[in-house]
Amino acid sequence: MKDAHREFAADHHDVPSDSGVRTGELAAKAHPLRVDNVEVIVADLGDVIRSKETAGRPKDPRVLPILYRHQAASRPAE
């Protein structure tokens, strides 16, 4: 699956999303995640946050505080 997601990134590296973040940028740092018996590729949380910060959609500011808390809780303790 990792090879397939890298291939997708190579093929779509220059495709901008609504937020201006390019698909290849998201795919480059994406992580495999197993949900039941299916492996899916999910964008890195930092990339999701960055895309929501720049998208400018009315719904994004409502979810950002939740994402910031999750990001802070997910960081290793120093």
PDB file of N, CA and C in Angstrom:
ATOM      1  N   MET A   1       0.829  -1.195   0.000  1.00  0.00           N
ATOM      2  CA  MET A   1       0.000   0.000   0.000  1.00  0.00           C
ATOM      3  C   MET A   1       0.872   1.256   0.000  1.00  0.00           C
ATOM      4  N   LYS A   2       2.000   1.206   0.700  1.00  0.00           N
ATOM      5  CA  LYS A   2       2.878   2.361   0.754  1.00  0.00           C
ATOM      6  C   LYS A   2       3.338   2.765  -0.639  1.00  0.00           C
ATOM      7  N   ASP A   3       3.672   1.776  -1.485  1.00  0.00           N
ATOM      8  CA  ASP A   3       4.092   2.082  -2.844  1.00  0.00           C
ATOM      9  C   ASP A   3       2.968   2.736  -3.637  1.00  0.00           C
ATOM     10  N   ALA A   4       1.747   2.271  -3.446  1.00  0.00           N
ATOM     11  CA  ALA A   4       0.609   2.846  -4.165  1.00  0.00           C
ATOM     12  C   ALA A   4       0.415   4.307  -3.766  1.00  0.00           C
ATOM     13  N   HIS A   5       0.583   4.618  -2.503  1.00  0.00           N
ATOM     14  CA  HIS A   5       0.375   6.004  -2.070  1.00  0.00           C
ATOM     15  C   HIS A   5       1.513   6.888  -2.549  1.00  0.00           C
ATOM     16  N   ARG A   6       2.718   6.368  -2.632  1.00  0.00           N
ATOM     17  CA  ARG A   6       3.842   7.138  -3.195  1.00  0.00           C
ATOM     18  C   ARG A   6       3.629   7.366  -4.694  1.00  0.00           C
ATOM     19  N   GLU A   7       3.099   6.348  -5.378  1.00  0.00           N
ATOM     20  CA  GLU A   7       2.815   6.480  -6.813  1.00  0.00           C
ATOM     21  C   GLU A   7       1.753   7.546  -7.042  1.00  0.00           C
ATOM     22  N   PHE A   8       0.713   7.549  -6.193  1.00  0.00           N
ATOM     23  CA  PHE A   8      -0.332   8.571  -6.291  1.00  0.00           C
ATOM     24  C   PHE A   8       0.291   9.958  -6.106  1.00  0.00           C
ATOM     25  N   ALA A   9       1.172  10.084  -5.116  1.00  0.00           N
ATOM     26  CA  ALA A   9       1.815  11.371  -4.851  1.00  0.00           C
ATOM     27  C   ALA A   9       2.615  11.828  -6.057  1.00  0.00           C
ATOM     28  N   ALA A  10       3.332  10.901  -6.676  1.00  0.00           N
ATOM     29  CA  ALA A  10       4.135  11.253  -7.844  1.00  0.00           C
ATOM     30  C   ALA A  10       3.253  11.694  -9.007  1.00  0.00           C
ATOM     31  N   ASP A  11       2.126  11.027  -9.187  1.00  0.00           N
ATOM     32  CA  ASP A  11       1.226  11.351 -10.296  1.00  0.00           C
ATOM     33  C   ASP A  11       0.441  12.641 -10.061  1.00  0.00           C
ATOM     34  N   HIS A  12       0.211  12.990  -8.796  1.00  0.00           N
ATOM     35  CA  HIS A  12      -0.674  14.114  -8.477  1.00  0.00           C
ATOM     36  C   HIS A  12       0.027  15.201  -7.664  1.00  0.00           C
ATOM     37  N   HIS A  13       1.323  15.278  -7.751  1.00  0.00           N
ATOM     38  CA  HIS A  13       2.072  16.192  -6.898  1.00  0.00           C
ATOM     39  C   HIS A  13       1.758  17.664  -7.140  1.00  0.00           C
ATOM     40  N   ASP A  14       1.182  17.992  -8.234  1.00  0.00           N
ATOM     41  CA  ASP A  14       0.961  19.391  -8.553  1.00  0.00           C
ATOM     42  C   ASP A  14      -0.508  19.780  -8.569  1.00  0.00           C
ATOM     43  N   VAL A  15      -1.363  18.954  -7.986  1.00  0.00           N
ATOM     44  CA  VAL A  15      -2.799  19.224  -7.985  1.00  0.00           C
ATOM     45  C   VAL A  15      -3.154  19.980  -6.709  1.00  0.00           C
ATOM     46  N   PRO A  16      -3.576  21.251  -6.806  1.00  0.00           N
ATOM     47  CA  PRO A  16      -3.920  21.997  -5.596  1.00  0.00           C
ATOM     48  C   PRO A  16      -5.301  21.606  -5.082  1.00  0.00           C
ATOM     49  N   SER A  17      -5.459  21.605  -3.770  1.00  0.00           N
ATOM     50  CA  SER A  17      -6.778  21.411  -3.179  1.00  0.00           C
ATOM     51  C   SER A  17      -7.405  22.796  -3.005  1.00  0.00           C
ATOM     52  N   ASP A  18      -8.591  22.845  -2.424  1.00  0.00           N
ATOM     53  CA  ASP A  18      -9.249  24.135  -2.186  1.00  0.00           C
ATOM     54  C   ASP A  18      -8.412  25.042  -1.293  1.00  0.00           C
ATOM     55  N   SER A  19      -7.591  24.445  -0.433  1.00  0.00           N
ATOM     56  CA  SER A  19      -6.803  25.248   0.501  1.00  0.00           C
ATOM     57  C   SER A  19      -5.472  25.686  -0.084  1.00  0.00           C
ATOM     58  N   GLY A  20      -5.162  25.241  -1.290  1.00  0.00           N
ATOM     59  CA  GLY A  20      -3.886  25.580  -1.880  1.00  0.00           C
ATOM     60  C   GLY A  20      -2.789  24.588  -1.561  1.00  0.00           C
ATOM     61  N   VAL A  21      -3.075  23.622  -0.685  1.00  0.00           N
ATOM     62  CA  VAL A  21      -2.101  22.581  -0.362  1.00  0.00           C
ATOM     63  C   VAL A  21      -2.131  21.568  -1.498  1.00  0.00           C
ATOM     64  N   ARG A  22      -0.986  21.255  -2.017  1.00  0.00           N
ATOM     65  CA  ARG A  22      -0.909  20.323  -3.142  1.00  0.00           C
ATOM     66  C   ARG A  22      -1.055  18.885  -2.674  1.00  0.00           C
ATOM     67  N   THR A  23      -1.742  18.081  -3.479  1.00  0.00           N
ATOM     68  CA  THR A  23      -2.012  16.689  -3.148  1.00  0.00           C
ATOM     69  C   THR A  23      -0.729  15.926  -2.837  1.00  0.00           C
ATOM     70  N   GLY A  24       0.300  16.151  -3.619  1.00  0.00           N
ATOM     71  CA  GLY A  24       1.560  15.462  -3.386  1.00  0.00           C
ATOM     72  C   GLY A  24       2.182  15.817  -2.051  1.00  0.00           C
ATOM     73  N   GLU A  25       2.001  17.072  -1.605  1.00  0.00           N
ATOM     74  CA  GLU A  25       2.500  17.477  -0.294  1.00  0.00           C
ATOM     75  C   GLU A  25       1.806  16.675   0.802  1.00  0.00           C
ATOM     76  N   LEU A  26       0.506  16.499   0.653  1.00  0.00           N
ATOM     77  CA  LEU A  26      -0.242  15.720   1.638  1.00  0.00           C
ATOM     78  C   LEU A  26       0.174  14.260   1.613  1.00  0.00           C
ATOM     79  N   ALA A  27       0.299  13.698   0.439  1.00  0.00           N
ATOM     80  CA  ALA A  27       0.641  12.284   0.306  1.00  0.00           C
ATOM     81  C   ALA A  27       2.045  11.986   0.809  1.00  0.00           C
ATOM     82  N   ALA A  28       2.963  12.938   0.671  1.00  0.00           N
ATOM     83  CA  ALA A  28       4.349  12.704   1.064  1.00  0.00           C
ATOM     84  C   ALA A  28       4.497  12.422   2.549  1.00  0.00           C
ATOM     85  N   LYS A  29       3.637  13.028   3.380  1.00  0.00           N
ATOM     86  CA  LYS A  29       3.735  12.821   4.825  1.00  0.00           C
ATOM     87  C   LYS A  29       2.563  12.027   5.391  1.00  0.00           C
ATOM     88  N   ALA A  30       1.762  11.441   4.518  1.00  0.00           N
ATOM     89  CA  ALA A  30       0.592  10.672   4.959  1.00  0.00           C
ATOM     90  C   ALA A  30       1.033   9.399   5.676  1.00  0.00           C
ATOM     91  N   HIS A  31       0.124   8.866   6.481  1.00  0.00           N
ATOM     92  CA  HIS A  31       0.408   7.681   7.288  1.00  0.00           C
ATOM     93  C   HIS A  31      -0.600   6.579   6.974  1.00  0.00           C
ATOM     94  N   PRO A  32      -0.147   5.321   6.908  1.00  0.00           N
ATOM     95  CA  PRO A  32      -1.107   4.227   6.780  1.00  0.00           C
ATOM     96  C   PRO A  32      -1.808   4.011   8.122  1.00  0.00           C
ATOM     97  N   LEU A  33      -3.080   3.709   8.068  1.00  0.00           N
ATOM     98  CA  LEU A  33      -3.879   3.452   9.265  1.00  0.00           C
ATOM     99  C   LEU A  33      -4.815   2.296   8.952  1.00  0.00           C
ATOM    100  N   ARG A  34      -4.861   1.307   9.827  1.00  0.00           N
ATOM    101  CA  ARG A  34      -5.743   0.162   9.621  1.00  0.00           C
ATOM    102  C   ARG A  34      -7.065   0.427  10.321  1.00  0.00           C
ATOM    103  N   VAL A  35      -8.136   0.354   9.561  1.00  0.00           N
ATOM    104  CA  VAL A  35      -9.493   0.504  10.073  1.00  0.00           C
ATOM    105  C   VAL A  35     -10.192  -0.808   9.778  1.00  0.00           C
ATOM    106  N   ASP A  36     -10.506  -1.556  10.840  1.00  0.00           N
ATOM    107  CA  ASP A  36     -10.985  -2.928  10.694  1.00  0.00           C
ATOM    108  C   ASP A  36      -9.950  -3.700   9.866  1.00  0.00           C
ATOM    109  N   ASN A  37     -10.321  -4.211   8.736  1.00  0.00           N
ATOM    110  CA  ASN A  37      -9.386  -4.969   7.909  1.00  0.00           C
ATOM    111  C   ASN A  37      -8.946  -4.205   6.665  1.00  0.00           C
ATOM    112  N   VAL A  38      -9.108  -2.904   6.700  1.00  0.00           N
ATOM    113  CA  VAL A  38      -8.778  -2.092   5.533  1.00  0.00           C
ATOM    114  C   VAL A  38      -7.670  -1.104   5.909  1.00  0.00           C
ATOM    115  N   GLU A  39      -6.623  -1.053   5.103  1.00  0.00           N
ATOM    116  CA  GLU A  39      -5.579  -0.059   5.327  1.00  0.00           C
ATOM    117  C   GLU A  39      -5.897   1.167   4.484  1.00  0.00           C
ATOM    118  N   VAL A  40      -5.945   2.309   5.156  1.00  0.00           N
ATOM    119  CA  VAL A  40      -6.203   3.574   4.468  1.00  0.00           C
ATOM    120  C   VAL A  40      -5.016   4.498   4.710  1.00  0.00           C
ATOM    121  N   ILE A  41      -4.848   5.461   3.858  1.00  0.00           N
ATOM    122  CA  ILE A  41      -3.792   6.445   4.000  1.00  0.00           C
ATOM    123  C   ILE A  41      -4.443   7.743   4.458  1.00  0.00           C
ATOM    124  N   VAL A  42      -3.952   8.284   5.567  1.00  0.00           N
ATOM    125  CA  VAL A  42      -4.518   9.518   6.113  1.00  0.00           C
ATOM    126  C   VAL A  42      -3.453  10.614   6.105  1.00  0.00           C
ATOM    127  N   ALA A  43      -3.883  11.821   5.879  1.00  0.00           N
ATOM    128  CA  ALA A  43      -2.976  12.966   5.858  1.00  0.00           C
ATOM    129  C   ALA A  43      -2.405  13.198   7.253  1.00  0.00           C
ATOM    130  N   ASP A  44      -1.200  13.706   7.316  1.00  0.00           N
ATOM    131  CA  ASP A  44      -0.564  14.086   8.563  1.00  0.00           C
ATOM    132  C   ASP A  44      -1.392  15.182   9.223  1.00  0.00           C
ATOM    133  N   LEU A  45      -1.550  15.108  10.543  1.00  0.00           N
ATOM    134  CA  LEU A  45      -2.387  16.079  11.249  1.00  0.00           C
ATOM    135  C   LEU A  45      -1.905  17.512  11.037  1.00  0.00           C
ATOM    136  N   GLY A  46      -0.610  17.721  11.012  1.00  0.00           N
ATOM    137  CA  GLY A  46      -0.086  19.060  10.764  1.00  0.00           C
ATOM    138  C   GLY A  46      -0.508  19.597   9.411  1.00  0.00           C
ATOM    139  N   ASP A  47      -0.543  18.721   8.410  1.00  0.00           N
ATOM    140  CA  ASP A  47      -0.984  19.134   7.077  1.00  0.00           C
ATOM    141  C   ASP A  47      -2.482  19.441   7.059  1.00  0.00           C
ATOM    142  N   VAL A  48      -3.258  18.656   7.798  1.00  0.00           N
ATOM    143  CA  VAL A  48      -4.708  18.916   7.882  1.00  0.00           C
ATOM    144  C   VAL A  48      -4.941  20.284   8.520  1.00  0.00           C
ATOM    145  N   ILE A  49      -4.219  20.543   9.604  1.00  0.00           N
ATOM    146  CA  ILE A  49      -4.360  21.835  10.288  1.00  0.00           C
ATOM    147  C   ILE A  49      -3.962  22.974   9.355  1.00  0.00           C
ATOM    148  N   ARG A  50      -2.834  22.835   8.695  1.00  0.00           N
ATOM    149  CA  ARG A  50      -2.373  23.886   7.773  1.00  0.00           C
ATOM    150  C   ARG A  50      -3.397  24.134   6.677  1.00  0.00           C
ATOM    151  N   SER A  51      -3.981  23.071   6.133  1.00  0.00           N
ATOM    152  CA  SER A  51      -4.957  23.257   5.057  1.00  0.00           C
ATOM    153  C   SER A  51      -6.213  23.949   5.568  1.00  0.00           C
ATOM    154  N   LYS A  52      -6.627  23.632   6.801  1.00  0.00           N
ATOM    155  CA  LYS A  52      -7.814  24.277   7.361  1.00  0.00           C
ATOM    156  C   LYS A  52      -7.538  25.732   7.714  1.00  0.00           C
ATOM    157  N   GLU A  53      -6.313  26.034   8.147  1.00  0.00           N
ATOM    158  CA  GLU A  53      -5.954  27.417   8.458  1.00  0.00           C
ATOM    159  C   GLU A  53      -5.965  28.291   7.208  1.00  0.00           C
ATOM    160  N   THR A  54      -5.625  27.716   6.068  1.00  0.00           N
ATOM    161  CA  THR A  54      -5.524  28.522   4.852  1.00  0.00           C
ATOM    162  C   THR A  54      -6.756  28.451   3.954  1.00  0.00           C
ATOM    163  N   ALA A  55      -7.642  27.496   4.197  1.00  0.00           N
ATOM    164  CA  ALA A  55      -8.792  27.318   3.309  1.00  0.00           C
ATOM    165  C   ALA A  55      -9.775  28.483   3.377  1.00  0.00           C
ATOM    166  N   GLY A  56      -9.950  29.051   4.565  1.00  0.00           N
ATOM    167  CA  GLY A  56     -10.843  30.190   4.698  1.00  0.00           C
ATOM    168  C   GLY A  56     -12.322  29.844   4.667  1.00  0.00           C
ATOM    169  N   ARG A  57     -12.645  28.555   4.857  1.00  0.00           N
ATOM    170  CA  ARG A  57     -14.063  28.176   4.870  1.00  0.00           C
ATOM    171  C   ARG A  57     -14.650  28.443   6.254  1.00  0.00           C
ATOM    172  N   PRO A  58     -15.928  28.811   6.335  1.00  0.00           N
ATOM    173  CA  PRO A  58     -16.537  29.123   7.630  1.00  0.00           C
ATOM    174  C   PRO A  58     -16.493  27.963   8.629  1.00  0.00           C
ATOM    175  N   LYS A  59     -16.534  26.736   8.159  1.00  0.00           N
ATOM    176  CA  LYS A  59     -16.568  25.589   9.071  1.00  0.00           C
ATOM    177  C   LYS A  59     -15.208  25.274   9.691  1.00  0.00           C
ATOM    178  N   ASP A  60     -14.121  25.683   9.074  1.00  0.00           N
ATOM    179  CA  ASP A  60     -12.798  25.297   9.550  1.00  0.00           C
ATOM    180  C   ASP A  60     -12.422  25.876  10.916  1.00  0.00           C
ATOM    181  N   PRO A  61     -12.694  27.134  11.220  1.00  0.00           N
ATOM    182  CA  PRO A  61     -12.330  27.650  12.547  1.00  0.00           C
ATOM    183  C   PRO A  61     -12.996  26.901  13.705  1.00  0.00           C
ATOM    184  N   ARG A  62     -14.138  26.289  13.455  1.00  0.00           N
ATOM    185  CA  ARG A  62     -14.833  25.556  14.522  1.00  0.00           C
ATOM    186  C   ARG A  62     -14.097  24.281  14.904  1.00  0.00           C
ATOM    187  N   VAL A  63     -13.434  23.630  13.964  1.00  0.00           N
ATOM    188  CA  VAL A  63     -12.770  22.366  14.239  1.00  0.00           C
ATOM    189  C   VAL A  63     -11.297  22.547  14.619  1.00  0.00           C
ATOM    190  N   LEU A  64     -10.714  23.684  14.283  1.00  0.00           N
ATOM    191  CA  LEU A  64      -9.290  23.888  14.557  1.00  0.00           C
ATOM    192  C   LEU A  64      -8.915  23.730  16.038  1.00  0.00           C
ATOM    193  N   PRO A  65      -9.676  24.263  16.996  1.00  0.00           N
ATOM    194  CA  PRO A  65      -9.286  24.067  18.401  1.00  0.00           C
ATOM    195  C   PRO A  65      -9.195  22.583  18.797  1.00  0.00           C
ATOM    196  N   ILE A  66     -10.061  21.773  18.253  1.00  0.00           N
ATOM    197  CA  ILE A  66     -10.037  20.328  18.532  1.00  0.00           C
ATOM    198  C   ILE A  66      -8.765  19.717  17.943  1.00  0.00           C
ATOM    199  N   LEU A  67      -8.437  20.106  16.720  1.00  0.00           N
ATOM    200  CA  LEU A  67      -7.244  19.574  16.077  1.00  0.00           C
ATOM    201  C   LEU A  67      -5.980  20.030  16.794  1.00  0.00           C
ATOM    202  N   TYR A  68      -5.950  21.283  17.250  1.00  0.00           N
ATOM    203  CA  TYR A  68      -4.797  21.776  18.001  1.00  0.00           C
ATOM    204  C   TYR A  68      -4.607  20.974  19.299  1.00  0.00           C
ATOM    205  N   ARG A  69      -5.707  20.702  20.005  1.00  0.00           N
ATOM    206  CA  ARG A  69      -5.614  19.918  21.254  1.00  0.00           C
ATOM    207  C   ARG A  69      -5.104  18.514  20.979  1.00  0.00           C
ATOM    208  N   HIS A  70      -5.620  17.906  19.924  1.00  0.00           N
ATOM    209  CA  HIS A  70      -5.178  16.551  19.575  1.00  0.00           C
ATOM    210  C   HIS A  70      -3.700  16.551  19.201  1.00  0.00           C
ATOM    211  N   GLN A  71      -3.271  17.552  18.462  1.00  0.00           N
ATOM    212  CA  GLN A  71      -1.872  17.658  18.075  1.00  0.00           C
ATOM    213  C   GLN A  71      -0.978  17.813  19.304  1.00  0.00           C
ATOM    214  N   ALA A  72      -1.395  18.666  20.247  1.00  0.00           N
ATOM    215  CA  ALA A  72      -0.596  18.869  21.458  1.00  0.00           C
ATOM    216  C   ALA A  72      -0.541  17.602  22.310  1.00  0.00           C
ATOM    217  N   ALA A  73      -1.642  16.888  22.385  1.00  0.00           N
ATOM    218  CA  ALA A  73      -1.678  15.649  23.185  1.00  0.00           C
ATOM    219  C   ALA A  73      -0.886  14.526  22.524  1.00  0.00           C
ATOM    220  N   SER A  74      -0.722  14.604  21.217  1.00  0.00           N
ATOM    221  CA  SER A  74      -0.029  13.543  20.479  1.00  0.00           C
ATOM    222  C   SER A  74       1.483  13.713  20.466  1.00  0.00           C
ATOM    223  N   ARG A  75       1.960  14.889  20.842  1.00  0.00           N
ATOM    224  CA  ARG A  75       3.414  15.139  20.838  1.00  0.00           C
ATOM    225  C   ARG A  75       4.068  14.417  22.005  1.00  0.00           C
ATOM    226  N   PRO A  76       5.257  13.878  21.773  1.00  0.00           N
ATOM    227  CA  PRO A  76       5.970  13.225  22.885  1.00  0.00           C
ATOM    228  C   PRO A  76       6.335  14.248  23.959  1.00  0.00           C
ATOM    229  N   ALA A  77       6.287  13.817  25.191  1.00  0.00           N
ATOM    230  CA  ALA A  77       6.652  14.704  26.306  1.00  0.00           C
ATOM    231  C   ALA A  77       8.143  15.000  26.248  1.00  0.00           C
ATOM    232  N   GLU A  78       8.485  16.234  26.531  1.00  0.00           N
ATOM    233  CA  GLU A  78       9.909  16.622  26.490  1.00  0.00           C
ATOM    234  C   GLU A  78      10.483  16.696  27.878  1.00  0.00           C
TER     235      GLU A  78
END
